[in-house]
Every structure is written in structure tokens, then in C-alpha cells.
């Protein structure tokens, strides 16, 4: 019998995997251009802020996306800067993931 806490953990993990896929596919819409993270979030209104930031953190730390400041175009980390001040685009690794050349069990593509 599954305990309630265990069931909630499994549901959150499954949601994280699905959300990672949604986020990376949305950032990929303009593959050669940077997308403002606030606009990506706006397109993903079914993902709450906390879950969205978890995805951005995972995708950037995994090397699938790169982040930079909107104003000065300098590289940035989601842990140091509010996401509304950042923009992102896929890396070569992120494109490979979406193309099926890489597999990550934490990203549903």
C-alpha cells in the first residue's frame, strides 16, 4: 500500500519530468534566438513559478540551455538573478536532446 507522502513524491517527480519537456520545447520555438524567460513562463501558465524555476535550474545545470542577462547579454545563473531579467536559448546538447540523439530520464521530449 502506498502512503500518501510517497504518492505525493511520485506525482511531483512525474510532473517535474513532464514540465522539463514543456519548458525546453517552448524555449526551442526560436532555436536560433534567445527567449525571455518571463515570456516562456507566460506561455506555460499551467506551471507554477516554483516548478518553473526548478525546470530552468535543472535544464541550465544540465547544459541543455544557456542563460544570459537581457540588458547586458552577459552569462548568468538562475540562482543569482531573477528570472524576469534573463533570456535563454538551447545549447548544442539541448538540441541533441530534443532531436533524440541524447536521452535524459528527467526530460520528457
Protein backbone atom coordinates (compact mmCIF):
# COMPACT_ATOMS: atom_id res chain seq x y z
CA UNK A 1 0.00 0.00 0.00
CA UNK A 2 1.38 3.42 -0.99
CA UNK A 3 1.50 6.03 1.74
CA UNK A 4 0.23 9.50 0.98
CA UNK A 5 3.70 11.09 1.26
CA UNK A 6 5.16 8.54 -1.12
CA UNK A 7 2.36 9.09 -3.63
CA UNK A 8 2.88 12.86 -3.49
CA UNK A 9 6.62 12.45 -4.12
CA UNK A 10 5.96 10.25 -7.15
CA UNK A 11 3.41 12.70 -8.53
CA UNK A 12 5.82 15.64 -8.08
CA UNK A 13 8.63 13.69 -9.78
CA UNK A 14 6.43 12.83 -12.75
CA UNK A 15 5.29 16.45 -13.02
CA UNK A 16 8.94 17.62 -12.95
CA UNK A 17 9.85 15.33 -15.86
CA UNK A 18 6.85 16.45 -17.92
CA UNK A 19 7.43 20.14 -17.11
CA UNK A 20 11.11 19.93 -18.11
CA UNK A 21 9.97 18.77 -21.54
CA UNK A 22 7.41 21.56 -21.85
CA UNK A 23 9.94 24.21 -20.87
CA UNK A 24 12.71 23.05 -23.21
CA UNK A 25 10.31 22.66 -26.15
CA UNK A 26 8.96 26.17 -25.55
CA UNK A 27 12.46 27.68 -25.39
CA UNK A 28 13.18 25.85 -28.64
CA UNK A 29 10.44 27.70 -30.54
CA UNK A 30 13.02 30.23 -31.76
CA UNK A 31 16.04 27.93 -31.67
CA UNK A 32 18.50 30.49 -33.05
CA UNK A 33 17.25 33.37 -30.89
CA UNK A 34 17.17 33.98 -27.17
CA UNK A 35 13.76 33.83 -25.46
CA UNK A 36 12.95 35.94 -22.40
CA UNK A 37 12.24 33.56 -19.53
CA UNK A 38 9.28 35.71 -18.47
CA UNK A 39 7.70 35.20 -21.91
CA UNK A 40 8.40 31.47 -21.81
CA UNK A 41 6.70 31.38 -18.38
CA UNK A 42 3.74 33.31 -19.76
CA UNK A 43 3.29 30.64 -22.43
CA UNK A 44 3.40 27.95 -19.73
CA UNK A 45 0.69 29.27 -17.42
CA UNK A 46 -0.14 25.74 -16.25
CA UNK A 47 3.27 25.50 -14.47
CA UNK A 48 3.58 27.37 -11.16
CA UNK A 49 6.56 29.66 -10.51
CA UNK A 50 8.35 27.26 -8.17
CA UNK A 51 8.09 24.32 -10.58
CA UNK A 52 9.14 26.56 -13.48
CA UNK A 53 12.27 27.71 -11.66
CA UNK A 54 13.09 24.08 -10.79
CA UNK A 55 12.95 23.27 -14.50
CA UNK A 56 15.06 26.26 -15.55
CA UNK A 57 17.62 25.35 -12.90
CA UNK A 58 17.76 21.70 -13.99
CA UNK A 59 17.93 22.47 -17.70
CA UNK A 60 20.66 25.06 -17.28
CA UNK A 61 22.72 23.00 -14.82
CA UNK A 62 22.45 20.03 -17.21
CA UNK A 63 23.79 22.13 -20.07
CA UNK A 64 20.63 21.99 -22.20
CA UNK A 65 20.02 25.74 -22.11
CA UNK A 66 22.20 28.75 -21.57
CA UNK A 67 21.10 31.84 -19.69
CA UNK A 68 22.14 35.47 -20.05
CA UNK A 69 21.06 38.90 -18.81
CA UNK A 70 18.57 40.58 -21.11
CA UNK A 71 20.22 44.01 -20.83
CA UNK A 72 23.97 43.39 -20.91
CA UNK A 73 23.95 39.97 -22.65
CA UNK A 74 26.38 38.55 -20.05
CA UNK A 75 26.07 34.88 -18.97
CA UNK A 76 24.04 34.42 -15.77
CA UNK A 77 22.87 31.79 -13.32
CA UNK A 78 19.25 31.36 -12.25
CA UNK A 79 20.47 31.16 -8.65
CA UNK A 80 21.91 34.69 -8.85
CA UNK A 81 19.41 36.64 -10.95
CA UNK A 82 15.62 36.95 -11.01
CA UNK A 83 14.30 35.02 -13.98
CA UNK A 84 12.45 38.08 -15.31
CA UNK A 85 15.88 39.60 -16.07
CA UNK A 86 17.08 36.58 -18.06
CA UNK A 87 16.75 35.11 -21.52
CA UNK A 88 17.65 31.64 -22.74
CA UNK A 89 18.33 29.52 -25.78
CA UNK A 90 19.15 25.88 -26.37
CA UNK A 91 22.72 24.66 -26.44
CA UNK A 92 24.02 22.01 -28.82
CA UNK A 93 23.31 19.49 -26.06
CA UNK A 94 19.72 20.72 -25.74
CA UNK A 95 19.17 20.43 -29.48
CA UNK A 96 20.60 16.89 -29.38
CA UNK A 97 18.20 16.01 -26.57
CA UNK A 98 15.18 17.25 -28.49
CA UNK A 99 16.41 15.52 -31.64
CA UNK A 100 16.52 12.17 -29.87
CA UNK A 101 20.32 11.84 -30.02
CA UNK A 102 20.56 12.13 -26.22
CA UNK A 103 18.36 10.63 -23.54
CA UNK A 104 17.63 12.12 -20.14
CA UNK A 105 15.10 10.29 -17.99
CA UNK A 106 14.24 13.60 -16.29
CA UNK A 107 13.12 15.33 -19.50
CA UNK A 108 10.07 14.17 -21.45
CA UNK A 109 10.60 15.08 -25.10
